[in-house]
Amino acid sequence: MSVFPIEKLSFIFIDALKEIISKMAGFSIDILSSEADSSFDEITGVMSLNGENHGMLFISTKENAMRIICSFMTGIPRDEITKDDIEDALCELVNMTAGSAKVRTNNMEQMYTISPPFVIRGENMSIKTKKRIVIISKTLGNGEISVKLKVVFYT
């Protein structure tokens, strides 16, 4: 099996995130920026992608944006959402995005296994590595929210 082009993989992850937000939160997001950006927002969901193009999936956003997404996903009013609710919703968003991308890539003979999702909190985080990497970085959103999608592939 040959290594799948990383550019095609990036579009698979972008489409997966857009689809999951649409289905789970009921609104659309589009690409706002494709500028290379290694920074993260206040809260980041993470999953490991293990396969021929192995790496990590990151979905990062501001706390308030995740509160909005969580409210739409769960039906809980925004002012009643807890920190745990936000973290659970972000883990589910990352899990569903990775799972959707996994199904799409398996159909193209690009097999992945994925780790359980987890959340990292903190500002001014960035990716530093000693290995060669390819970072796909996009900011998606609408007028009310923005979400950073990063897929880091180790080459």
N, C-alpha and C. Protein backbone atom coordinates (compact mmCIF):
# COMPACT_ATOMS: atom_id res chain seq x y z
N MET A 1 0.84 -1.17 0.00
CA MET A 1 0.00 0.00 0.00
C MET A 1 0.89 1.24 0.00
N SER A 2 0.61 2.20 -0.87
CA SER A 2 1.43 3.40 -0.95
C SER A 2 0.92 4.46 0.01
N VAL A 3 1.78 5.42 0.30
CA VAL A 3 1.42 6.50 1.20
C VAL A 3 0.47 7.44 0.46
N PHE A 4 -0.64 7.77 1.09
CA PHE A 4 -1.67 8.63 0.51
C PHE A 4 -1.18 10.07 0.54
N PRO A 5 -1.38 10.86 -0.52
CA PRO A 5 -0.92 12.26 -0.51
C PRO A 5 -1.52 13.06 0.65
N ILE A 6 -0.66 13.73 1.37
CA ILE A 6 -1.07 14.47 2.56
C ILE A 6 -2.05 15.59 2.21
N GLU A 7 -1.90 16.21 1.05
CA GLU A 7 -2.83 17.27 0.65
C GLU A 7 -4.26 16.74 0.59
N LYS A 8 -4.43 15.51 0.06
CA LYS A 8 -5.76 14.91 0.00
C LYS A 8 -6.27 14.60 1.40
N LEU A 9 -5.37 14.16 2.27
CA LEU A 9 -5.77 13.88 3.65
C LEU A 9 -6.28 15.14 4.35
N SER A 10 -5.66 16.27 4.07
CA SER A 10 -6.10 17.51 4.74
C SER A 10 -7.54 17.83 4.39
N PHE A 11 -7.92 17.66 3.12
CA PHE A 11 -9.30 17.95 2.72
C PHE A 11 -10.28 16.95 3.35
N ILE A 12 -9.84 15.73 3.54
CA ILE A 12 -10.69 14.73 4.19
C ILE A 12 -11.00 15.16 5.62
N PHE A 13 -9.99 15.64 6.36
CA PHE A 13 -10.21 16.08 7.74
C PHE A 13 -11.05 17.35 7.79
N ILE A 14 -10.82 18.28 6.88
CA ILE A 14 -11.62 19.51 6.83
C ILE A 14 -13.08 19.17 6.57
N ASP A 15 -13.34 18.34 5.57
CA ASP A 15 -14.71 17.95 5.25
C ASP A 15 -15.36 17.19 6.40
N ALA A 16 -14.59 16.35 7.08
CA ALA A 16 -15.13 15.60 8.22
C ALA A 16 -15.55 16.56 9.33
N LEU A 17 -14.72 17.54 9.67
CA LEU A 17 -15.06 18.50 10.72
C LEU A 17 -16.29 19.31 10.34
N LYS A 18 -16.34 19.78 9.10
CA LYS A 18 -17.50 20.55 8.65
C LYS A 18 -18.78 19.72 8.75
N GLU A 19 -18.71 18.47 8.34
CA GLU A 19 -19.87 17.58 8.39
C GLU A 19 -20.32 17.33 9.82
N ILE A 20 -19.38 17.07 10.73
CA ILE A 20 -19.73 16.77 12.12
C ILE A 20 -20.34 17.98 12.80
N ILE A 21 -19.77 19.17 12.58
CA ILE A 21 -20.35 20.40 13.16
C ILE A 21 -21.77 20.59 12.63
N SER A 22 -21.96 20.39 11.33
CA SER A 22 -23.27 20.56 10.73
C SER A 22 -24.29 19.59 11.33
N LYS A 23 -23.90 18.32 11.45
CA LYS A 23 -24.82 17.31 11.98
C LYS A 23 -25.07 17.46 13.48
N MET A 24 -24.01 17.70 14.24
CA MET A 24 -24.14 17.71 15.70
C MET A 24 -24.59 19.06 16.26
N ALA A 25 -24.16 20.16 15.63
CA ALA A 25 -24.49 21.48 16.16
C ALA A 25 -25.56 22.19 15.32
N GLY A 26 -25.77 21.72 14.10
CA GLY A 26 -26.84 22.27 13.28
C GLY A 26 -26.52 23.56 12.57
N PHE A 27 -25.25 23.91 12.45
CA PHE A 27 -24.89 25.09 11.67
C PHE A 27 -23.65 24.80 10.84
N SER A 28 -23.39 25.64 9.87
CA SER A 28 -22.28 25.43 8.94
C SER A 28 -21.07 26.26 9.34
N ILE A 29 -19.91 25.72 9.02
CA ILE A 29 -18.66 26.47 9.13
C ILE A 29 -17.93 26.33 7.81
N ASP A 30 -17.12 27.32 7.50
CA ASP A 30 -16.32 27.31 6.28
C ASP A 30 -14.90 27.71 6.62
N ILE A 31 -13.99 27.49 5.70
CA ILE A 31 -12.60 27.87 5.91
C ILE A 31 -12.52 29.39 5.95
N LEU A 32 -11.96 29.91 7.04
CA LEU A 32 -11.74 31.34 7.20
C LEU A 32 -10.31 31.72 6.87
N SER A 33 -9.38 30.80 7.15
CA SER A 33 -7.96 31.09 6.92
C SER A 33 -7.20 29.80 6.69
N SER A 34 -6.26 29.88 5.75
CA SER A 34 -5.38 28.74 5.47
C SER A 34 -3.93 29.08 5.78
N GLU A 35 -3.72 30.18 6.48
CA GLU A 35 -2.36 30.59 6.80
C GLU A 35 -1.72 29.61 7.77
N ALA A 36 -0.45 29.36 7.57
CA ALA A 36 0.29 28.47 8.48
C ALA A 36 0.28 29.08 9.87
N ASP A 37 -0.15 28.32 10.84
CA ASP A 37 -0.31 28.81 12.20
C ASP A 37 -0.05 27.64 13.15
N SER A 38 0.98 27.75 13.95
CA SER A 38 1.29 26.65 14.86
C SER A 38 0.70 26.88 16.25
N SER A 39 -0.03 28.00 16.45
CA SER A 39 -0.57 28.29 17.77
C SER A 39 -1.91 27.60 18.00
N PHE A 40 -2.29 27.54 19.26
CA PHE A 40 -3.55 26.93 19.66
C PHE A 40 -4.34 27.93 20.50
N ASP A 41 -5.65 27.72 20.57
CA ASP A 41 -6.51 28.56 21.39
C ASP A 41 -6.60 27.99 22.80
N GLU A 42 -7.56 28.43 23.58
CA GLU A 42 -7.66 28.12 25.01
C GLU A 42 -7.86 26.64 25.31
N ILE A 43 -8.57 25.94 24.46
CA ILE A 43 -8.91 24.54 24.74
C ILE A 43 -8.72 23.74 23.45
N THR A 44 -8.02 22.60 23.56
CA THR A 44 -7.66 21.82 22.39
C THR A 44 -7.99 20.35 22.62
N GLY A 45 -8.71 19.77 21.66
CA GLY A 45 -8.96 18.34 21.66
C GLY A 45 -7.93 17.66 20.78
N VAL A 46 -7.44 16.49 21.20
CA VAL A 46 -6.33 15.83 20.52
C VAL A 46 -6.61 14.34 20.35
N MET A 47 -6.17 13.79 19.22
CA MET A 47 -6.19 12.34 18.98
C MET A 47 -4.96 11.97 18.19
N SER A 48 -4.44 10.79 18.46
CA SER A 48 -3.32 10.25 17.70
C SER A 48 -3.87 9.47 16.50
N LEU A 49 -3.20 9.62 15.36
CA LEU A 49 -3.55 8.91 14.13
C LEU A 49 -2.38 7.99 13.80
N ASN A 50 -2.63 6.71 13.79
CA ASN A 50 -1.55 5.76 13.55
C ASN A 50 -1.80 5.01 12.26
N GLY A 51 -0.87 5.13 11.32
CA GLY A 51 -0.98 4.50 10.02
C GLY A 51 0.26 4.83 9.21
N GLU A 52 0.17 4.68 7.89
CA GLU A 52 1.33 4.99 7.06
C GLU A 52 1.70 6.47 7.15
N ASN A 53 0.72 7.34 7.16
CA ASN A 53 0.93 8.77 7.42
C ASN A 53 0.47 9.02 8.85
N HIS A 54 1.30 8.69 9.83
CA HIS A 54 0.86 8.82 11.21
C HIS A 54 1.10 10.24 11.71
N GLY A 55 0.31 10.61 12.71
CA GLY A 55 0.42 11.95 13.24
C GLY A 55 -0.60 12.22 14.33
N MET A 56 -1.01 13.49 14.42
CA MET A 56 -1.94 13.92 15.47
C MET A 56 -3.00 14.84 14.86
N LEU A 57 -4.21 14.75 15.39
CA LEU A 57 -5.30 15.63 15.02
C LEU A 57 -5.56 16.56 16.20
N PHE A 58 -5.63 17.86 15.93
CA PHE A 58 -5.91 18.86 16.95
C PHE A 58 -7.10 19.70 16.50
N ILE A 59 -8.06 19.91 17.39
CA ILE A 59 -9.14 20.87 17.16
C ILE A 59 -9.10 21.81 18.36
N SER A 60 -8.86 23.09 18.06
CA SER A 60 -8.62 24.08 19.10
C SER A 60 -9.59 25.25 18.93
N THR A 61 -10.08 25.77 20.04
CA THR A 61 -11.02 26.89 19.98
C THR A 61 -11.00 27.65 21.29
N LYS A 62 -11.70 28.74 21.30
CA LYS A 62 -11.87 29.52 22.53
C LYS A 62 -12.95 28.86 23.39
N GLU A 63 -12.86 29.06 24.68
CA GLU A 63 -13.82 28.49 25.63
C GLU A 63 -15.25 28.88 25.26
N ASN A 64 -15.49 30.15 24.93
CA ASN A 64 -16.85 30.59 24.63
C ASN A 64 -17.38 29.95 23.35
N ALA A 65 -16.52 29.80 22.34
CA ALA A 65 -16.95 29.14 21.10
C ALA A 65 -17.33 27.69 21.38
N MET A 66 -16.56 27.01 22.21
CA MET A 66 -16.88 25.62 22.53
C MET A 66 -18.15 25.53 23.36
N ARG A 67 -18.41 26.54 24.18
CA ARG A 67 -19.67 26.60 24.95
C ARG A 67 -20.86 26.67 23.99
N ILE A 68 -20.74 27.45 22.92
CA ILE A 68 -21.80 27.57 21.92
C ILE A 68 -21.99 26.24 21.21
N ILE A 69 -20.90 25.64 20.76
CA ILE A 69 -20.98 24.34 20.06
C ILE A 69 -21.60 23.29 20.99
N CYS A 70 -21.15 23.25 22.24
CA CYS A 70 -21.65 22.29 23.22
C CYS A 70 -23.15 22.47 23.44
N SER A 71 -23.58 23.71 23.53
CA SER A 71 -25.01 23.99 23.72
C SER A 71 -25.84 23.44 22.58
N PHE A 72 -25.38 23.65 21.35
CA PHE A 72 -26.09 23.13 20.20
C PHE A 72 -26.04 21.59 20.16
N MET A 73 -24.90 21.00 20.54
CA MET A 73 -24.77 19.54 20.51
C MET A 73 -25.64 18.86 21.56
N THR A 74 -25.77 19.47 22.73
CA THR A 74 -26.43 18.81 23.85
C THR A 74 -27.82 19.34 24.18
N GLY A 75 -28.12 20.56 23.75
CA GLY A 75 -29.39 21.18 24.12
C GLY A 75 -29.35 21.84 25.48
N ILE A 76 -28.22 21.82 26.15
CA ILE A 76 -28.07 22.47 27.45
C ILE A 76 -27.92 23.98 27.21
N PRO A 77 -28.65 24.82 27.95
CA PRO A 77 -28.47 26.28 27.79
C PRO A 77 -27.02 26.68 28.07
N ARG A 78 -26.55 27.65 27.31
CA ARG A 78 -25.13 28.07 27.41
C ARG A 78 -24.70 28.40 28.83
N ASP A 79 -25.56 29.07 29.59
CA ASP A 79 -25.18 29.49 30.94
C ASP A 79 -25.18 28.35 31.95
N GLU A 80 -25.66 27.17 31.55
CA GLU A 80 -25.66 26.00 32.44
C GLU A 80 -24.56 24.99 32.10
N ILE A 81 -23.81 25.25 31.06
CA ILE A 81 -22.77 24.32 30.62
C ILE A 81 -21.56 24.42 31.55
N THR A 82 -21.09 23.27 32.01
CA THR A 82 -19.93 23.22 32.91
C THR A 82 -18.64 23.00 32.12
N LYS A 83 -17.54 23.14 32.81
CA LYS A 83 -16.23 22.86 32.23
C LYS A 83 -16.18 21.41 31.73
N ASP A 84 -16.71 20.48 32.51
CA ASP A 84 -16.74 19.07 32.11
C ASP A 84 -17.57 18.86 30.85
N ASP A 85 -18.71 19.58 30.75
CA ASP A 85 -19.55 19.48 29.54
C ASP A 85 -18.76 19.92 28.31
N ILE A 86 -18.03 21.03 28.44
CA ILE A 86 -17.24 21.56 27.33
C ILE A 86 -16.17 20.56 26.92
N GLU A 87 -15.47 20.02 27.88
CA GLU A 87 -14.40 19.06 27.58
C GLU A 87 -14.95 17.78 26.96
N ASP A 88 -16.07 17.30 27.48
CA ASP A 88 -16.70 16.10 26.90
C ASP A 88 -17.14 16.36 25.46
N ALA A 89 -17.74 17.52 25.22
CA ALA A 89 -18.20 17.85 23.86
C ALA A 89 -17.01 17.98 22.90
N LEU A 90 -15.92 18.57 23.35
CA LEU A 90 -14.74 18.69 22.49
C LEU A 90 -14.14 17.32 22.20
N CYS A 91 -14.06 16.47 23.21
CA CYS A 91 -13.57 15.11 22.98
C CYS A 91 -14.45 14.39 21.96
N GLU A 92 -15.75 14.55 22.08
CA GLU A 92 -16.66 13.91 21.14
C GLU A 92 -16.50 14.50 19.73
N LEU A 93 -16.30 15.80 19.63
CA LEU A 93 -16.09 16.44 18.33
C LEU A 93 -14.81 15.92 17.67
N VAL A 94 -13.74 15.81 18.43
CA VAL A 94 -12.49 15.27 17.90
C VAL A 94 -12.66 13.81 17.51
N ASN A 95 -13.30 13.03 18.37
CA ASN A 95 -13.51 11.61 18.12
C ASN A 95 -14.32 11.39 16.85
N MET A 96 -15.40 12.13 16.69
CA MET A 96 -16.26 11.97 15.52
C MET A 96 -15.57 12.44 14.24
N THR A 97 -14.79 13.52 14.34
CA THR A 97 -14.04 14.02 13.18
C THR A 97 -13.00 12.98 12.75
N ALA A 98 -12.23 12.48 13.70
CA ALA A 98 -11.22 11.46 13.38
C ALA A 98 -11.88 10.20 12.85
N GLY A 99 -12.99 9.79 13.46
CA GLY A 99 -13.69 8.59 13.01
C GLY A 99 -14.22 8.74 11.59
N SER A 100 -14.79 9.89 11.29
CA SER A 100 -15.29 10.14 9.93
C SER A 100 -14.15 10.13 8.92
N ALA A 101 -13.04 10.77 9.27
CA ALA A 101 -11.87 10.78 8.38
C ALA A 101 -11.31 9.37 8.22
N LYS A 102 -11.32 8.60 9.30
CA LYS A 102 -10.82 7.22 9.24
C LYS A 102 -11.64 6.39 8.25
N VAL A 103 -12.95 6.49 8.32
CA VAL A 103 -13.81 5.75 7.39
C VAL A 103 -13.52 6.17 5.95
N ARG A 104 -13.38 7.48 5.73
CA ARG A 104 -13.12 7.99 4.38
C ARG A 104 -11.76 7.52 3.85
N THR A 105 -10.75 7.49 4.71
CA THR A 105 -9.43 7.06 4.24
C THR A 105 -9.34 5.55 4.10
N ASN A 106 -10.07 4.80 4.92
CA ASN A 106 -10.07 3.34 4.78
C ASN A 106 -10.62 2.94 3.41
N ASN A 107 -11.58 3.68 2.93
CA ASN A 107 -12.13 3.41 1.60
C ASN A 107 -11.12 3.68 0.50
N MET A 108 -10.04 4.40 0.83
CA MET A 108 -9.00 4.73 -0.14
C MET A 108 -7.70 3.99 0.17
N GLU A 109 -7.80 2.91 0.92
CA GLU A 109 -6.66 2.08 1.29
C GLU A 109 -5.63 2.82 2.13
N GLN A 110 -6.06 3.80 2.89
CA GLN A 110 -5.19 4.50 3.84
C GLN A 110 -5.73 4.17 5.23
N MET A 111 -5.17 3.17 5.86
CA MET A 111 -5.70 2.66 7.12
C MET A 111 -5.14 3.44 8.31
N TYR A 112 -6.00 3.70 9.28
CA TYR A 112 -5.62 4.37 10.51
C TYR A 112 -6.18 3.62 11.69
N THR A 113 -5.48 3.71 12.79
CA THR A 113 -6.07 3.44 14.09
C THR A 113 -6.01 4.77 14.82
N ILE A 114 -6.94 4.99 15.72
CA ILE A 114 -6.98 6.26 16.44
C ILE A 114 -6.97 6.00 17.94
N SER A 115 -6.41 6.94 18.67
CA SER A 115 -6.34 6.84 20.13
C SER A 115 -7.63 7.39 20.73
N PRO A 116 -7.82 7.18 22.01
CA PRO A 116 -8.91 7.89 22.69
C PRO A 116 -8.62 9.40 22.65
N PRO A 117 -9.66 10.23 22.57
CA PRO A 117 -9.44 11.68 22.55
C PRO A 117 -9.11 12.20 23.95
N PHE A 118 -8.41 13.33 23.98
CA PHE A 118 -8.17 14.00 25.25
C PHE A 118 -8.13 15.50 25.01
N VAL A 119 -8.21 16.27 26.09
CA VAL A 119 -8.25 17.73 26.02
C VAL A 119 -7.04 18.31 26.73
N ILE A 120 -6.48 19.34 26.12
CA ILE A 120 -5.40 20.13 26.72
C ILE A 120 -5.92 21.55 26.87
N ARG A 121 -5.69 22.15 28.02
CA ARG A 121 -6.08 23.54 28.24
C ARG A 121 -4.83 24.39 28.38
N GLY A 122 -4.89 25.60 27.85
CA GLY A 122 -3.78 26.53 27.99
C GLY A 122 -3.63 27.38 26.75
N GLU A 123 -3.10 28.56 26.92
CA GLU A 123 -2.88 29.46 25.80
C GLU A 123 -1.40 29.49 25.44
N ASN A 124 -1.12 30.02 24.27
CA ASN A 124 0.24 30.18 23.77
C ASN A 124 0.99 28.87 23.62
N MET A 125 0.26 27.78 23.40
CA MET A 125 0.90 26.50 23.11
C MET A 125 1.24 26.49 21.62
N SER A 126 2.29 25.76 21.27
CA SER A 126 2.63 25.59 19.86
C SER A 126 3.30 24.24 19.69
N ILE A 127 3.41 23.81 18.44
CA ILE A 127 4.01 22.52 18.12
C ILE A 127 5.50 22.71 17.86
N LYS A 128 6.29 21.94 18.54
CA LYS A 128 7.74 21.90 18.32
C LYS A 128 8.12 20.44 18.18
N THR A 129 8.95 20.12 17.20
CA THR A 129 9.32 18.73 16.99
C THR A 129 10.72 18.64 16.39
N LYS A 130 11.39 17.53 16.63
CA LYS A 130 12.71 17.30 16.03
C LYS A 130 12.59 16.51 14.74
N LYS A 131 11.45 15.85 14.54
CA LYS A 131 11.23 15.08 13.31
C LYS A 131 10.70 16.00 12.23
N ARG A 132 10.86 15.56 10.98
CA ARG A 132 10.23 16.30 9.88
C ARG A 132 8.73 16.09 9.98
N ILE A 133 8.00 17.18 9.86
CA ILE A 133 6.55 17.09 9.93
C ILE A 133 5.92 17.93 8.83
N VAL A 134 4.68 17.62 8.55
CA VAL A 134 3.85 18.43 7.68
C VAL A 134 2.65 18.83 8.51
N ILE A 135 2.40 20.13 8.61
CA ILE A 135 1.27 20.61 9.40
C ILE A 135 0.22 21.18 8.45
N ILE A 136 -0.97 20.62 8.53
CA ILE A 136 -2.12 21.17 7.83
C ILE A 136 -2.84 22.04 8.86
N SER A 137 -2.97 23.31 8.60
CA SER A 137 -3.56 24.23 9.56
C SER A 137 -4.61 25.08 8.87
N LYS A 138 -5.84 24.99 9.35
CA LYS A 138 -6.95 25.77 8.80
C LYS A 138 -7.76 26.33 9.95
N THR A 139 -8.28 27.52 9.77
CA THR A 139 -9.23 28.09 10.69
C THR A 139 -10.59 28.07 10.01
N LEU A 140 -11.56 27.43 10.66
CA LEU A 140 -12.91 27.34 10.12
C LEU A 140 -13.86 28.04 11.08
N GLY A 141 -14.97 28.50 10.55
CA GLY A 141 -15.94 29.13 11.43
C GLY A 141 -17.06 29.80 10.67
N ASN A 142 -17.80 30.60 11.43
CA ASN A 142 -18.86 31.43 10.89
C ASN A 142 -18.80 32.75 11.66
N GLY A 143 -19.83 33.55 11.65
CA GLY A 143 -19.78 34.83 12.33
C GLY A 143 -19.66 34.75 13.83
N GLU A 144 -20.06 33.64 14.43
CA GLU A 144 -20.09 33.53 15.89
C GLU A 144 -18.93 32.75 16.49
N ILE A 145 -18.40 31.78 15.76
CA ILE A 145 -17.33 30.93 16.31
C ILE A 145 -16.21 30.76 15.30
N SER A 146 -15.05 30.40 15.82
CA SER A 146 -13.97 29.92 14.95
C SER A 146 -13.31 28.74 15.64
N VAL A 147 -12.84 27.81 14.82
CA VAL A 147 -12.22 26.58 15.28
C VAL A 147 -10.96 26.37 14.45
N LYS A 148 -9.85 26.07 15.12
CA LYS A 148 -8.61 25.75 14.41
C LYS A 148 -8.49 24.24 14.27
N LEU A 149 -8.29 23.80 13.04
CA LEU A 149 -8.06 22.39 12.76
C LEU A 149 -6.61 22.25 12.35
N LYS A 150 -5.89 21.39 13.04
CA LYS A 150 -4.51 21.10 12.68
C LYS A 150 -4.36 19.59 12.60
N VAL A 151 -3.75 19.15 11.53
CA VAL A 151 -3.39 17.75 11.39
C VAL A 151 -1.88 17.75 11.15
N VAL A 152 -1.17 17.09 12.05
CA VAL A 152 0.29 17.07 12.00
C VAL A 152 0.70 15.67 11.59
N PHE A 153 1.38 15.57 10.44
CA PHE A 153 1.84 14.29 9.94
C PHE A 153 3.35 14.21 10.08
N TYR A 154 3.82 13.07 10.56
CA TYR A 154 5.26 12.81 10.67
C TYR A 154 5.69 12.13 9.39
N THR A 155 6.69 12.66 8.74
CA THR A 155 7.13 12.11 7.47
C THR A 155 8.43 11.35 7.62
